[in-house]
Each structure stands twice: as structure tokens, then as C-alpha cells.
């Protein structure tokens, strides 16, 4: 009986130690929380917010505190959403928008909004309709960057109370209905035809200008040639006048007689001229030229 009592006492004592060890292990497991870098834990005590645990090792009070929400702080992308909007010139467009965001303050996100994605999509849709309503269709197509910046800024202001940061907002596409697209295509074709006509007119104008420049250049060259010829003739006249002034009338008569002799010689040397009729004073021209030549030689 004493052995049975000892065994019973030994087993009872070890069971207490085992239970104590299990209790300690459970307390450690419940009290020590290791949070990943990409998450934050929201801790509640008796249903009320206690703290927010950041990445690393954190300690909470076992059985009193509990991790109520594990929130990822990675950047998220909302599903691409399309909504209708009317521009300032009353054109119906369908805009496809994509939004990227991340949670900065989980305690605000989990306690102030139930469906974060749905709330952001609704907010974005309203802002896009409002901004497009301020623009005409051409501005929507041309100033997409300004539209994106306005949407992002206003969305960031609206969701600030939810502990969310909007990192990017993109307008992926702006679609038109079939009638508007056909009208725009017709306008585009008309604009292309107008540009072609303008280009053709400018080409014709340029051709006329080039022809006029060419004619002007030719006239200038002809005038220049005539001026040079006149200057040469004037120079020859001056030379003859100077010779007459220096040598007297004899030099002039000599030149005239010499020209007459050259003309008669050319007339006689032509092909097919068997008979040459000369004026009666032609022989006198030869004589006068010979006399003048000998007279100049004697001088």
C-alpha cells in the first residue's frame, strides 16, 4: 500500500508540473506574436482596440488580448472598372479606370469601412464623372494626364479617413458610342481633305514663286549682259576717241580704209564667188590704206 501511495503521489506531482508547463507554453504562444514585414496586426482587448502590431516580435497579454485582424500593407489593385460619363459638350463616353492603393493605418480601415474596394470604386466613379463633366471631348482625349492627376488627388483626399494611400490612378481607355465614333471619323476625314487642299495650294503658290524668281533671275542676267556689252562698246568708243585725239584724223581714216579692205578681201575669198563686182572707189581704198600704212611706217 505504501508503494501505491508513493506512485500516486509521484504521478500527481508530475501531472501538475506537466500542466504548468503546458500552461506556460500556451501563454508564450498566445503572448508572443511574430508579425511579417508585409502585414500589421490589430489587437483587441474585450472587443475594444488595444494596439496595432508592426513587423517583428511583439508581446501581448495572453487570454486578455487577441489578434482580431491581420491586414496586409502591400499595394493593391482594384479590378478595372468602367463607368459612363457625359462631357461638357454632351458626349457620352465610357471610361475604364484602374486604381492602386495600400493601407497605412489598419485601425482606421477595419473600424471605419466595411468594403474597402467597393467604397474606393464608388468614390472613383463619382470623381471621374465630375471631372469629365468639366471637359469637352477633345480635352478628355488630349489632356488624359491632367484627368489622371485630378482623379488621383481627389481620391486621395476622400479616402484619407480610411487610413488608405492611393498610389496610382490610371485612365486606361475612353470609349465612344458608335454614332459619336462615326461622326468623329467623318470630321477626321474632312480635316484630312482640308489639309490636303491646303498643302496642294501651298505647293502651287511655291511653284509660282519659284517660276517668278527664275524669270527675275533670267531678266537680271540679261540686263547684266547688256550692261557689260554697253560698257564694252562705250570703252571701245572711248579708245577710238582717244586715238583720234592723239593721232588726229589720219588714224580714223586709216581704220576706215582698213575695214574696207578687210570687207573686200572677205567678199573675194567666199566660196562660189567667181565674179566680184566692186564699187569704183574700191581701188582708191586700197591705195589710201597703202599710203597711210607707208606714211605711219615712215614716222
Foldseek 3Di string as FASTA:
>chain_A
DVVVVVVVVVVVVVVVVVVVVVVVVVQCVQFKDAAAQQKKFFKDFPRHTDDIHHHGIGGDGPPGIDGPDIFGFDKDKAPWDWDWAAALVGFIKIWIKIWIKGAQDQVLQVPPDDDVSVVLVVLLRVQLNVVRNDHDPVCVVPVVVVSQVSSQVVSQVVCVSSRMHTPGMHGPDIGGDPVVVVVVVVVVVVVVVVVVVVVVVVVVVVVVVVVVVVVVVVVVVVVVVVVVVVVVVVVVVVVVVVCCVVVNPLVVLLVVLVVLVVVVVVVVPDPPPPDDDDDPCNVVSVVSNVVSVVVVVVD
